[in-house]
Amino acid sequence: MDNDLYGQVLLGGAFVVAQITALCLAERAGLDSRTAFWLTVAGAAGALLGGERGVIIAIAGATAAVFAWSALARRPILAHLDAMVPAAFLGYAVARMACLVEGHCFGIVTDLPFGIIYAPGTNAYAAQVAAGLIDPHAARSLPVHPTQLYHAAFGLAAFLVLLRWKSSYPGSRLALALALYGSGRFGIEFLRGEAQPVLGPLDVNHIACLAILMAALLLWRFRSSPRRLFLKSTA
């Protein structure tokens, strides 16, 4: 089995893990299981449609699909999102392992002892050849930061934090999840080897993370009136 196939298996596993965990969390919270099921289906479909263009686009696709389903079904989903959002980080951690084996989302060159190397034919190797860092006939790439492992560790940590978080108002766990993702991804992005700055030192993903942090701030700002976010809590 080649690395790409391993990666696809891990990516499929990430969706399964996230969906099963989300359904279990919704059931534990005493929420409607049918709504939880369709939310996971909509989220997975949206993520798959956008996933080929990167994780940020996958998240945007999942979010759009979830809100579209809510609008069409005319069902409130804020309580469900609050309960189920930790599962997204567990799936995220598994999905990043797919990036690791496929050689995507690699880091910048490092001399740290835990740097990882890539073989010819991988994205990291090709990028270093294009940048003149290695000879086109080199046996392997220079060591790079294992940013995929940083993302995976961050995903697991965020999952555990969110599980222990006690919602003080409808949407508080969702707001925390957005804040965690936006800030964590923002920091790791500085170590990404393929990042292309578009605004000073910031790349497109940095800007997307700032938008996510703004969404978390808005959700916190309107915490006393979830209806203003076009969602009505079922809690």
Protein backbone atom coordinates (compact mmCIF):
# COMPACT_ATOMS: atom_id res chain seq x y z
CA MET A 1 0.00 0.00 0.00
CA ASP A 2 1.56 3.34 -1.05
CA ASN A 3 1.56 6.51 1.01
CA ASP A 4 -1.31 8.14 -0.89
CA LEU A 5 -3.53 5.14 -0.24
CA TYR A 6 -2.55 5.12 3.44
CA GLY A 7 -3.45 8.78 3.55
CA GLN A 8 -6.86 8.23 1.99
CA VAL A 9 -7.61 5.45 4.49
CA LEU A 10 -6.65 7.74 7.37
CA LEU A 11 -8.74 10.57 5.95
CA GLY A 12 -11.76 8.29 5.68
CA GLY A 13 -11.10 7.16 9.23
CA ALA A 14 -11.04 10.79 10.37
CA PHE A 15 -14.57 11.34 9.07
CA VAL A 16 -15.83 8.13 10.68
CA VAL A 17 -14.21 8.96 14.03
CA ALA A 18 -15.59 12.50 14.01
CA GLN A 19 -19.13 11.41 13.07
CA ILE A 20 -19.36 8.59 15.62
CA THR A 21 -17.93 10.79 18.38
CA ALA A 22 -20.31 13.64 17.49
CA LEU A 23 -23.34 11.34 17.65
CA CYS A 24 -22.21 9.95 21.01
CA LEU A 25 -21.74 13.46 22.41
CA ALA A 26 -25.18 14.54 21.19
CA GLU A 27 -26.76 11.45 22.76
CA ARG A 28 -24.92 12.09 26.04
CA ALA A 29 -26.31 15.64 26.04
CA GLY A 30 -29.86 14.30 25.57
CA LEU A 31 -30.30 15.94 22.15
CA ASP A 32 -32.36 14.76 19.20
CA SER A 33 -30.38 11.97 17.50
CA ARG A 34 -31.96 12.48 14.09
CA THR A 35 -30.89 16.12 13.97
CA ALA A 36 -27.41 15.11 15.14
CA PHE A 37 -27.16 12.49 12.40
CA TRP A 38 -28.13 14.84 9.58
CA LEU A 39 -25.81 17.53 10.89
CA THR A 40 -22.87 15.11 10.72
CA VAL A 41 -23.87 14.04 7.20
CA ALA A 42 -24.18 17.65 6.04
CA GLY A 43 -20.90 18.61 7.68
CA ALA A 44 -19.04 15.65 6.17
CA ALA A 45 -20.45 16.34 2.70
CA GLY A 46 -19.46 20.01 2.87
CA ALA A 47 -15.98 19.16 4.12
CA LEU A 48 -15.43 16.60 1.36
CA LEU A 49 -16.52 19.06 -1.33
CA GLY A 50 -14.11 21.70 -0.10
CA GLY A 51 -11.36 19.44 1.20
CA GLU A 52 -9.35 19.27 -2.01
CA ARG A 53 -8.50 22.97 -1.62
CA GLY A 54 -7.24 22.76 1.94
CA VAL A 55 -8.40 22.39 5.51
CA ILE A 56 -9.69 25.96 5.83
CA ILE A 57 -11.89 25.50 2.74
CA ALA A 58 -13.06 22.13 4.10
CA ILE A 59 -14.11 23.82 7.35
CA ALA A 60 -15.89 26.55 5.41
CA GLY A 61 -17.66 23.92 3.30
CA ALA A 62 -18.75 21.97 6.37
CA THR A 63 -20.03 25.14 8.07
CA ALA A 64 -21.96 26.25 5.00
CA ALA A 65 -23.52 22.81 4.59
CA VAL A 66 -24.58 22.63 8.25
CA PHE A 67 -26.22 26.05 8.18
CA ALA A 68 -27.87 25.31 4.83
CA TRP A 69 -29.35 22.11 6.24
CA SER A 70 -30.55 23.97 9.32
CA ALA A 71 -32.27 26.60 7.16
CA LEU A 72 -33.92 24.04 4.90
CA ALA A 73 -35.01 21.77 7.78
CA ARG A 74 -35.97 24.77 9.93
CA ARG A 75 -34.40 23.17 12.98
CA PRO A 76 -32.40 24.95 15.69
CA ILE A 77 -28.86 23.63 15.91
CA LEU A 78 -26.94 25.75 18.39
CA ALA A 79 -27.29 23.25 21.24
CA HIS A 80 -26.22 20.44 18.91
CA LEU A 81 -23.16 22.35 17.71
CA ASP A 82 -22.21 23.11 21.29
CA ALA A 83 -22.39 19.44 22.24
CA MET A 84 -20.82 17.98 19.10
CA VAL A 85 -18.01 20.41 18.25
CA PRO A 86 -15.28 18.57 20.27
CA ALA A 87 -15.62 15.69 17.79
CA ALA A 88 -14.38 17.93 14.96
CA PHE A 89 -11.02 18.28 16.70
CA LEU A 90 -10.67 14.54 17.15
CA GLY A 91 -11.31 14.04 13.44
CA TYR A 92 -8.90 16.87 12.70
CA ALA A 93 -6.13 15.11 14.62
CA VAL A 94 -6.60 11.89 12.63
CA ALA A 95 -6.84 13.78 9.33
CA ARG A 96 -3.50 15.46 9.99
CA MET A 97 -1.87 12.04 10.17
CA ALA A 98 -3.07 11.55 6.59
CA CYS A 99 -1.21 14.75 5.68
CA LEU A 100 1.90 13.35 7.38
CA VAL A 101 2.05 10.12 5.39
CA GLU A 102 1.18 11.85 2.11
CA GLY A 103 3.77 14.59 2.62
CA HIS A 104 1.26 17.46 2.53
CA CYS A 105 1.28 20.54 4.80
CA PHE A 106 4.99 20.09 5.53
CA GLY A 107 7.05 22.44 7.66
CA ILE A 108 10.01 24.73 7.11
CA VAL A 109 13.57 23.40 7.28
CA THR A 110 14.81 22.76 10.81
CA ASP A 111 17.89 21.42 12.57
CA LEU A 112 15.87 20.16 15.52
CA PRO A 113 16.40 16.45 16.27
CA PHE A 114 12.77 15.57 15.57
CA GLY A 115 12.71 17.05 12.07
CA ILE A 116 11.37 14.67 9.42
CA ILE A 117 12.67 14.02 5.89
CA TYR A 118 10.83 13.20 2.68
CA ALA A 119 11.68 11.09 -0.33
CA PRO A 120 11.68 12.23 -3.98
CA GLY A 121 8.20 12.65 -5.40
CA THR A 122 6.74 14.28 -2.30
CA ASN A 123 5.59 17.88 -2.01
CA ALA A 124 8.29 18.78 0.51
CA TYR A 125 11.06 17.37 -1.69
CA ALA A 126 9.75 19.16 -4.79
CA ALA A 127 9.45 22.47 -2.93
CA GLN A 128 13.03 22.28 -1.70
CA VAL A 129 14.30 21.48 -5.20
CA ALA A 130 12.35 24.45 -6.60
CA ALA A 131 13.78 26.71 -3.89
CA GLY A 132 17.34 25.56 -4.64
CA LEU A 133 17.76 24.05 -1.18
CA ILE A 134 18.66 20.59 -2.47
CA ASP A 135 19.96 19.08 -5.69
CA PRO A 136 17.29 17.60 -8.00
CA HIS A 137 19.01 14.22 -7.61
CA ALA A 138 19.27 14.32 -3.81
CA ALA A 139 18.33 11.11 -2.06
CA ARG A 140 16.04 12.90 0.37
CA SER A 141 14.81 16.31 1.51
CA LEU A 142 16.31 18.41 4.27
CA PRO A 143 14.68 17.85 7.70
CA VAL A 144 11.54 19.92 8.20
CA HIS A 145 9.27 20.71 11.11
CA PRO A 146 6.65 17.93 11.54
CA THR A 147 3.84 20.47 11.40
CA GLN A 148 1.31 17.71 10.76
CA LEU A 149 2.18 16.25 14.17
CA TYR A 150 1.88 19.70 15.74
CA HIS A 151 -1.60 19.97 14.27
CA ALA A 152 -2.53 16.47 15.47
CA ALA A 153 -1.30 17.16 19.01
CA PHE A 154 -3.16 20.47 19.00
CA GLY A 155 -6.34 18.73 17.84
CA LEU A 156 -6.17 16.17 20.63
CA ALA A 157 -5.49 18.85 23.25
CA ALA A 158 -8.39 20.98 22.02
CA PHE A 159 -10.68 17.92 22.05
CA LEU A 160 -9.87 17.26 25.71
CA VAL A 161 -10.26 20.93 26.68
CA LEU A 162 -13.65 21.18 25.00
CA LEU A 163 -14.88 17.96 26.61
CA ARG A 164 -14.20 19.42 30.04
CA TRP A 165 -15.67 22.82 29.22
CA LYS A 166 -18.98 23.55 30.91
CA SER A 167 -21.15 25.75 28.71
CA SER A 168 -22.20 28.87 30.59
CA TYR A 169 -24.52 30.01 27.79
CA PRO A 170 -25.73 28.57 24.45
CA GLY A 171 -22.82 28.74 22.03
CA SER A 172 -20.01 29.09 24.58
CA ARG A 173 -18.35 25.80 23.67
CA LEU A 174 -18.68 26.61 19.98
CA ALA A 175 -17.12 30.03 20.59
CA LEU A 176 -14.25 28.43 22.50
CA ALA A 177 -13.75 25.89 19.70
CA LEU A 178 -13.50 28.66 17.11
CA ALA A 179 -11.08 30.61 19.31
CA LEU A 180 -8.92 27.54 19.89
CA TYR A 181 -8.75 26.62 16.24
CA GLY A 182 -8.13 30.16 15.04
CA SER A 183 -5.32 30.82 17.51
CA GLY A 184 -3.71 27.37 17.31
CA ARG A 185 -3.72 27.23 13.53
CA PHE A 186 -2.49 30.83 13.32
CA GLY A 187 0.62 29.97 15.34
CA ILE A 188 1.47 26.73 13.54
CA GLU A 189 1.06 28.42 10.17
CA PHE A 190 4.32 30.32 10.69
CA LEU A 191 6.14 26.96 10.52
CA ARG A 192 4.50 25.83 7.27
CA GLY A 193 6.97 25.29 4.42
CA GLU A 194 4.59 25.99 1.55
CA ALA A 195 3.04 29.18 3.00
CA GLN A 196 2.91 32.11 0.56
CA PRO A 197 2.68 35.50 2.35
CA VAL A 198 0.02 37.81 0.94
CA LEU A 199 -0.08 40.50 3.65
CA GLY A 200 3.28 41.12 5.30
CA PRO A 201 4.27 37.83 6.96
CA LEU A 202 0.69 36.51 6.81
CA ASP A 203 -0.59 34.00 4.27
CA VAL A 204 -4.18 33.24 3.27
CA ASN A 205 -4.61 30.76 6.12
CA HIS A 206 -3.46 33.36 8.66
CA ILE A 207 -6.14 35.73 7.39
CA ALA A 208 -8.76 32.97 7.52
CA CYS A 209 -7.75 32.25 11.12
CA LEU A 210 -8.27 35.91 11.99
CA ALA A 211 -11.76 35.69 10.47
CA ILE A 212 -12.46 32.59 12.60
CA LEU A 213 -11.31 34.44 15.70
CA MET A 214 -13.64 37.28 14.79
CA ALA A 215 -16.51 34.79 14.51
CA ALA A 216 -15.68 33.49 17.99
CA LEU A 217 -15.69 37.07 19.31
CA LEU A 218 -19.08 37.75 17.71
CA LEU A 219 -20.52 34.57 19.18
CA TRP A 220 -19.28 35.65 22.60
CA ARG A 221 -20.57 39.20 22.06
CA PHE A 222 -24.10 38.01 21.30
CA ARG A 223 -24.12 35.32 23.98
CA SER A 224 -27.17 36.78 25.72
CA SER A 225 -29.25 36.63 22.55
CA PRO A 226 -28.53 33.56 20.40
CA ARG A 227 -31.54 34.39 18.23
CA ARG A 228 -29.55 37.27 16.83
CA LEU A 229 -27.33 34.62 15.27
CA PHE A 230 -30.43 33.12 13.60
CA LEU A 231 -30.23 30.12 15.89
CA LYS A 232 -32.45 29.19 18.74
CA SER A 233 -31.08 26.98 21.47
CA THR A 234 -32.86 23.73 22.23
CA ALA A 235 -31.10 23.45 25.58
